[in-house]
């Protein structure tokens, strides 16, 4: 797990780190399930500890995912602006051609 801020990581690094964090959290909860199955009387305490242990990983994955979503939204906004500009330019060219033919 990297300590770098989400904004400094590449898209591939963000995806890899999210996947690694998910894997660690799932393994922790699977381990807790096995422990709880072996000792049902302590199941609540075991699951509470697993939740505490995995909370930082889940928070980090949430921050990374928020950065990824923000990047995708910025990219979509750029493409939307480019499409609007292209459409307006195309409309202007068609209108100019139509006026020339009259």
N, C-alpha and C. Protein backbone atom coordinates (compact mmCIF):
# COMPACT_ATOMS: atom_id res chain seq x y z
N UNK A 1 0.84 -1.17 0.00
CA UNK A 1 0.00 0.00 0.00
C UNK A 1 0.89 1.23 0.00
N UNK A 2 0.59 2.14 -0.88
CA UNK A 2 1.36 3.36 -1.03
C UNK A 2 0.84 4.44 -0.10
N UNK A 3 1.74 5.29 0.36
CA UNK A 3 1.34 6.43 1.19
C UNK A 3 1.20 7.69 0.36
N UNK A 4 1.36 7.58 -0.95
CA UNK A 4 1.24 8.74 -1.83
C UNK A 4 -0.20 9.24 -1.86
N UNK A 5 -0.33 10.53 -2.10
CA UNK A 5 -1.67 11.08 -2.20
C UNK A 5 -2.31 10.58 -3.49
N UNK A 6 -3.62 10.39 -3.49
CA UNK A 6 -4.29 9.86 -4.68
C UNK A 6 -4.05 10.69 -5.93
N UNK A 7 -3.91 12.00 -5.78
CA UNK A 7 -3.72 12.87 -6.93
C UNK A 7 -2.38 12.67 -7.63
N UNK A 8 -1.40 12.09 -6.94
CA UNK A 8 -0.08 11.91 -7.55
C UNK A 8 0.08 10.55 -8.22
N UNK A 9 -0.88 9.67 -8.04
CA UNK A 9 -0.79 8.32 -8.61
C UNK A 9 -1.37 8.27 -10.01
N UNK A 10 -0.85 7.38 -10.82
CA UNK A 10 -1.42 7.17 -12.15
C UNK A 10 -2.70 6.35 -12.03
N UNK A 11 -3.47 6.31 -13.10
CA UNK A 11 -4.70 5.52 -13.09
C UNK A 11 -4.41 4.05 -12.82
N UNK A 12 -3.35 3.52 -13.41
CA UNK A 12 -2.98 2.12 -13.21
C UNK A 12 -2.58 1.86 -11.76
N UNK A 13 -1.83 2.80 -11.18
CA UNK A 13 -1.42 2.64 -9.78
C UNK A 13 -2.63 2.68 -8.84
N UNK A 14 -3.57 3.55 -9.15
CA UNK A 14 -4.80 3.63 -8.34
C UNK A 14 -5.55 2.30 -8.41
N UNK A 15 -5.70 1.77 -9.61
CA UNK A 15 -6.43 0.50 -9.78
C UNK A 15 -5.73 -0.63 -9.04
N UNK A 16 -4.41 -0.69 -9.16
CA UNK A 16 -3.65 -1.75 -8.46
C UNK A 16 -3.78 -1.62 -6.95
N UNK A 17 -3.69 -0.39 -6.45
CA UNK A 17 -3.76 -0.21 -5.00
C UNK A 17 -5.15 -0.53 -4.47
N UNK A 18 -6.19 -0.13 -5.20
CA UNK A 18 -7.55 -0.47 -4.77
C UNK A 18 -7.72 -1.98 -4.73
N UNK A 19 -7.23 -2.67 -5.74
CA UNK A 19 -7.34 -4.12 -5.78
C UNK A 19 -6.59 -4.75 -4.60
N UNK A 20 -5.40 -4.25 -4.29
CA UNK A 20 -4.63 -4.80 -3.17
C UNK A 20 -5.33 -4.54 -1.84
N UNK A 21 -5.91 -3.36 -1.69
CA UNK A 21 -6.63 -3.05 -0.46
C UNK A 21 -7.87 -3.92 -0.30
N UNK A 22 -8.59 -4.13 -1.39
CA UNK A 22 -9.76 -5.01 -1.34
C UNK A 22 -9.36 -6.42 -0.96
N UNK A 23 -8.27 -6.88 -1.53
CA UNK A 23 -7.80 -8.24 -1.23
C UNK A 23 -7.45 -8.38 0.24
N UNK A 24 -6.76 -7.38 0.79
CA UNK A 24 -6.39 -7.44 2.21
C UNK A 24 -7.64 -7.44 3.10
N UNK A 25 -8.60 -6.59 2.76
CA UNK A 25 -9.83 -6.50 3.58
C UNK A 25 -10.61 -7.81 3.49
N UNK A 26 -10.75 -8.36 2.28
CA UNK A 26 -11.49 -9.62 2.13
C UNK A 26 -10.79 -10.74 2.89
N UNK A 27 -9.46 -10.80 2.82
CA UNK A 27 -8.73 -11.83 3.55
C UNK A 27 -8.93 -11.67 5.06
N UNK A 28 -8.96 -10.43 5.53
CA UNK A 28 -9.16 -10.20 6.96
C UNK A 28 -10.54 -10.66 7.40
N UNK A 29 -11.55 -10.36 6.58
CA UNK A 29 -12.91 -10.79 6.93
C UNK A 29 -13.07 -12.31 6.81
N UNK A 30 -12.40 -12.92 5.84
CA UNK A 30 -12.45 -14.39 5.73
C UNK A 30 -11.80 -15.03 6.95
N UNK A 31 -10.68 -14.47 7.38
CA UNK A 31 -10.00 -14.97 8.58
C UNK A 31 -10.91 -14.81 9.80
N UNK A 32 -11.58 -13.68 9.89
CA UNK A 32 -12.50 -13.46 11.01
C UNK A 32 -13.65 -14.46 10.97
N UNK A 33 -14.14 -14.76 9.78
CA UNK A 33 -15.24 -15.74 9.67
C UNK A 33 -14.79 -17.11 10.14
N UNK A 34 -13.58 -17.50 9.79
CA UNK A 34 -13.06 -18.79 10.25
C UNK A 34 -12.88 -18.81 11.77
N UNK A 35 -12.38 -17.71 12.33
CA UNK A 35 -12.22 -17.62 13.78
C UNK A 35 -13.58 -17.66 14.48
N UNK A 36 -14.55 -16.94 13.92
CA UNK A 36 -15.89 -16.90 14.53
C UNK A 36 -16.55 -18.27 14.45
N UNK A 37 -16.29 -19.00 13.38
CA UNK A 37 -16.85 -20.34 13.25
C UNK A 37 -16.24 -21.27 14.30
N UNK A 38 -14.96 -21.08 14.57
CA UNK A 38 -14.29 -21.92 15.57
C UNK A 38 -14.69 -21.55 17.00
N UNK A 39 -15.04 -20.30 17.22
CA UNK A 39 -15.40 -19.84 18.57
C UNK A 39 -16.64 -18.94 18.48
N UNK A 40 -17.83 -19.55 18.32
CA UNK A 40 -19.06 -18.76 18.13
C UNK A 40 -19.38 -17.80 19.27
N UNK A 41 -18.94 -18.11 20.46
CA UNK A 41 -19.23 -17.24 21.61
C UNK A 41 -18.54 -15.87 21.46
N UNK A 42 -17.43 -15.83 20.77
CA UNK A 42 -16.68 -14.59 20.59
C UNK A 42 -16.87 -13.98 19.21
N UNK A 43 -17.85 -14.45 18.47
CA UNK A 43 -18.03 -14.02 17.08
C UNK A 43 -18.18 -12.51 16.95
N UNK A 44 -18.98 -11.90 17.80
CA UNK A 44 -19.18 -10.44 17.71
C UNK A 44 -17.87 -9.68 17.91
N UNK A 45 -17.10 -10.09 18.89
CA UNK A 45 -15.82 -9.43 19.14
C UNK A 45 -14.84 -9.65 17.99
N UNK A 46 -14.86 -10.83 17.43
CA UNK A 46 -13.96 -11.14 16.31
C UNK A 46 -14.31 -10.29 15.11
N UNK A 47 -15.60 -10.19 14.80
CA UNK A 47 -16.02 -9.37 13.65
C UNK A 47 -15.77 -7.88 13.89
N UNK A 48 -15.94 -7.43 15.13
CA UNK A 48 -15.68 -6.03 15.46
C UNK A 48 -14.20 -5.70 15.27
N UNK A 49 -13.34 -6.63 15.68
CA UNK A 49 -11.90 -6.41 15.50
C UNK A 49 -11.54 -6.40 14.02
N UNK A 50 -12.12 -7.30 13.25
CA UNK A 50 -11.86 -7.33 11.81
C UNK A 50 -12.30 -6.02 11.16
N UNK A 51 -13.42 -5.49 11.62
CA UNK A 51 -13.91 -4.21 11.08
C UNK A 51 -12.95 -3.08 11.43
N UNK A 52 -12.46 -3.05 12.67
CA UNK A 52 -11.49 -2.03 13.08
C UNK A 52 -10.19 -2.16 12.29
N UNK A 53 -9.73 -3.40 12.11
CA UNK A 53 -8.48 -3.64 11.39
C UNK A 53 -8.56 -3.20 9.93
N UNK A 54 -9.70 -3.43 9.31
CA UNK A 54 -9.83 -3.14 7.88
C UNK A 54 -10.33 -1.73 7.59
N UNK A 55 -10.75 -0.99 8.60
CA UNK A 55 -11.28 0.37 8.40
C UNK A 55 -10.29 1.29 7.67
N UNK A 56 -9.00 1.31 8.03
CA UNK A 56 -8.07 2.19 7.30
C UNK A 56 -7.93 1.79 5.82
N UNK A 57 -7.96 0.51 5.55
CA UNK A 57 -7.85 0.05 4.16
C UNK A 57 -9.07 0.48 3.36
N UNK A 58 -10.23 0.35 3.97
CA UNK A 58 -11.47 0.72 3.29
C UNK A 58 -11.51 2.23 3.07
N UNK A 59 -11.05 3.00 4.05
CA UNK A 59 -11.01 4.46 3.90
C UNK A 59 -10.05 4.86 2.79
N UNK A 60 -8.90 4.22 2.72
CA UNK A 60 -7.92 4.53 1.67
C UNK A 60 -8.49 4.17 0.29
N UNK A 61 -9.13 3.02 0.20
CA UNK A 61 -9.73 2.61 -1.07
C UNK A 61 -10.83 3.60 -1.48
N UNK A 62 -11.58 4.09 -0.51
CA UNK A 62 -12.61 5.09 -0.81
C UNK A 62 -12.01 6.38 -1.34
N UNK A 63 -10.90 6.82 -0.75
CA UNK A 63 -10.24 8.04 -1.22
C UNK A 63 -9.67 7.84 -2.62
N UNK A 64 -9.09 6.68 -2.87
CA UNK A 64 -8.56 6.39 -4.21
C UNK A 64 -9.67 6.35 -5.24
N UNK A 65 -10.78 5.72 -4.86
CA UNK A 65 -11.90 5.63 -5.80
C UNK A 65 -12.50 7.01 -6.07
N UNK A 66 -12.56 7.87 -5.05
CA UNK A 66 -13.07 9.23 -5.26
C UNK A 66 -12.19 9.98 -6.25
N UNK A 67 -10.87 9.80 -6.16
CA UNK A 67 -9.96 10.43 -7.12
C UNK A 67 -10.18 9.89 -8.52
N UNK A 68 -10.37 8.59 -8.62
CA UNK A 68 -10.60 7.97 -9.93
C UNK A 68 -11.88 8.51 -10.55
N UNK A 69 -12.95 8.62 -9.77
CA UNK A 69 -14.22 9.14 -10.27
C UNK A 69 -14.07 10.59 -10.70
N UNK A 70 -13.35 11.38 -9.90
CA UNK A 70 -13.13 12.79 -10.26
C UNK A 70 -12.39 12.91 -11.58
N UNK A 71 -11.40 12.04 -11.79
CA UNK A 71 -10.67 12.06 -13.07
C UNK A 71 -11.58 11.71 -14.23
N UNK A 72 -12.41 10.70 -14.06
CA UNK A 72 -13.33 10.31 -15.13
C UNK A 72 -14.33 11.42 -15.43
N UNK A 73 -14.79 12.11 -14.39
CA UNK A 73 -15.73 13.22 -14.61
C UNK A 73 -15.06 14.37 -15.35
N UNK A 74 -13.82 14.67 -14.99
CA UNK A 74 -13.09 15.74 -15.71
C UNK A 74 -12.89 15.35 -17.17
N UNK A 75 -12.55 14.10 -17.41
CA UNK A 75 -12.35 13.63 -18.78
C UNK A 75 -13.66 13.71 -19.57
N UNK A 76 -14.75 13.31 -18.95
CA UNK A 76 -16.05 13.37 -19.63
C UNK A 76 -16.42 14.81 -19.96
N UNK A 77 -16.12 15.74 -19.04
CA UNK A 77 -16.42 17.15 -19.30
C UNK A 77 -15.59 17.67 -20.47
N UNK A 78 -14.33 17.28 -20.55
CA UNK A 78 -13.50 17.70 -21.70
C UNK A 78 -14.05 17.16 -23.01
N UNK A 79 -14.44 15.89 -23.02
CA UNK A 79 -15.00 15.30 -24.24
C UNK A 79 -16.32 15.97 -24.62
N UNK A 80 -17.13 16.29 -23.62
CA UNK A 80 -18.40 16.95 -23.87
C UNK A 80 -18.17 18.32 -24.50
N UNK A 81 -17.20 19.09 -23.96
CA UNK A 81 -16.87 20.40 -24.54
C UNK A 81 -16.35 20.25 -25.96
N UNK A 82 -15.50 19.27 -26.18
CA UNK A 82 -14.97 19.04 -27.53
C UNK A 82 -16.08 18.69 -28.50
N UNK A 83 -17.03 17.88 -28.07
CA UNK A 83 -18.15 17.51 -28.94
C UNK A 83 -19.02 18.73 -29.25
N UNK A 84 -19.25 19.58 -28.26
CA UNK A 84 -20.04 20.79 -28.48
C UNK A 84 -19.35 21.74 -29.46
N UNK A 85 -18.05 21.93 -29.28
CA UNK A 85 -17.30 22.81 -30.18
C UNK A 85 -17.32 22.25 -31.59
N UNK A 86 -17.12 20.94 -31.73
CA UNK A 86 -17.13 20.32 -33.05
C UNK A 86 -18.51 20.45 -33.69
N UNK A 87 -19.55 20.24 -32.91
CA UNK A 87 -20.91 20.38 -33.43
C UNK A 87 -21.22 21.80 -33.86
N UNK A 88 -20.79 22.76 -33.07
CA UNK A 88 -21.03 24.16 -33.42
C UNK A 88 -20.25 24.55 -34.67
N UNK A 89 -19.01 24.09 -34.78
CA UNK A 89 -18.21 24.39 -35.97
C UNK A 89 -18.83 23.73 -37.20
N UNK A 90 -19.28 22.50 -37.05
CA UNK A 90 -19.93 21.81 -38.17
C UNK A 90 -21.20 22.52 -38.61
N UNK A 91 -21.98 22.97 -37.65
CA UNK A 91 -23.21 23.70 -37.96
C UNK A 91 -22.89 25.00 -38.69
N UNK A 92 -21.85 25.69 -38.24
CA UNK A 92 -21.45 26.94 -38.90
C UNK A 92 -21.01 26.69 -40.33
N UNK A 93 -20.26 25.62 -40.56
CA UNK A 93 -19.81 25.29 -41.92
C UNK A 93 -20.99 24.94 -42.80
N UNK A 94 -21.92 24.14 -42.30
CA UNK A 94 -23.09 23.76 -43.09
C UNK A 94 -23.94 25.00 -43.40
N UNK A 95 -24.12 25.88 -42.42
CA UNK A 95 -24.89 27.11 -42.66
C UNK A 95 -24.19 27.99 -43.69
N UNK A 96 -22.88 28.11 -43.58
CA UNK A 96 -22.12 28.91 -44.55
C UNK A 96 -22.25 28.33 -45.95
N UNK A 97 -22.13 26.99 -46.07
CA UNK A 97 -22.29 26.35 -47.38
C UNK A 97 -23.70 26.54 -47.92
N UNK A 98 -24.68 26.45 -47.07
CA UNK A 98 -26.08 26.63 -47.50
C UNK A 98 -26.30 28.06 -47.98
N UNK A 99 -25.73 29.04 -47.32
CA UNK A 99 -25.89 30.42 -47.74
C UNK A 99 -25.14 30.71 -49.04
N UNK A 100 -24.05 30.04 -49.25
CA UNK A 100 -23.29 30.23 -50.50
C UNK A 100 -24.05 29.68 -51.69
N UNK A 101 -24.84 28.63 -51.47
CA UNK A 101 -25.55 27.99 -52.58
C UNK A 101 -26.79 28.77 -52.97
N UNK A 102 -27.26 29.63 -52.12
CA UNK A 102 -28.50 30.38 -52.42
C UNK A 102 -28.21 31.56 -53.29
